[in-house]
Amino acid sequence: MGAPAAMIGSSIIGGVMANKAAKKQAGAMSEANRMNAMGYMDAQPYIKDMYSGGTNALNNALAMGAYQGPTYAGMNPMQTATMNNMYNYGGTGFTGANNLMGTTGAFGQNAADLYNMAGQDRMATAQQYALDNSQPLIDRALRDSTRNLEENTLRNIGMGASASGNANSSRAGVAEAIAGRDYMDRASDTAAGIQDDLMRRSLTEQDARFNNQMSANQQMSNIYNTAFGMGQDALKMQGAAGDIMQSDQQQQLNADKAKFESNRDFELDMYNKYNAGILGRAPQTANVQPNMVDPTMATMGGAMAGFGFGQNYLAPMFNQQQQPAASPYMYNGGQYIPSQGYSYAQSPAGGMGGSNPYIY
């Protein structure tokens, strides 16, 4: 076997060994990747089912869409009737309270008048009342005395004087004067008693009338204040009815707004839930390392390494076993040099493809 055969053989052996080693390395990496991906491969059927089922559920939810039915009950007929009655009753109560306030609103002026009345001379009023109203009472009280004086006393005095022939005498006049004096004294006492009684009755009546007026005016004040409170209660009742209506309308608007937002965001929410609940929870990678081992390139590299091994170690061994004149070259120091015993002529073109300056 010559040096070229040794180099070719080394190249072949190196390529075969490198190819086998590369295949083993590639197989080991493939096995490692298979083990790393085992969890993913085991879960893959379930992941596919999850994708499929989740996609179906998503499509079904999107097809059904957001709820389109009623979302707010609203007030029932009983509540509506009650609200209307509250409002109407409040209106009636306010009108009545306003009328009462208008009727009793003069209690302030009445109090001023009563105050002025309390400062008047009530005794003078009583005396004047007695003078104005006592005479008929006096006449009635003196009716019997007057009749007795005129029909009995004076008549008897006159008849006695006439019987004695002293009809116009001073004695008869004196008797008549004495009888008249007694009558006047009795009349004066009677008048004084009647007038004093009338004064007491006037004062009592004035007190009663004043107290009654004060009480009536106080009642007017109470009614006015009550009416004022009634008016406030009536307004509160009307306001409460309005609040019920406003609350009902606001809740209807809120329900409409919520329904609008549900319709607007339903599809997006479904996709977000699908992504977070289905896609986001599924394994996304199998943690596989790329297998960069190429047996073909490894074969070429092994062949080149084998060729270099044959060239560096095997070829010199074969060259030493041959006769020096058998070859125009000898291997020395990693290169071929011309052997002794041969005649060389330098090639103009550099010889041997330009790599050797000698030819033979």
Foldseek 3Di string as FASTA:
>chain_A
DALVVQLQVLLQVQLVVLLVVLVVVLVVQVVVLCVLLVVVVVCVVVLVVLVVVLVVVLVVDVVVADDDDDDDDFDDPVVVVVLVCLLVVLVVLLVVLVVLLVVLVCLVVLVVVLVVVVPDDLLVVQLVQLVVPLVVVLCVVCVVVVCCLVVPQLVVLQVVCVVVVNNPPVVSVVSNVVSVVVSVVVSVVSSVVSSVVSSVVSVVVVVVVSVVSVVVSVVSVVSNVVSVVSNVVSVVSNVVSVVSVVVSVVVVVVSVVVSVVSNVCVSVVSVVCSCVVRVVPRDDDSPRDDSPRDSVVSSNVRSVVSSVCSLVPVNLVNQVVDDQVVDQWHDDPSDTDGGPPDDWDFDPCCPPNVPHRTDD
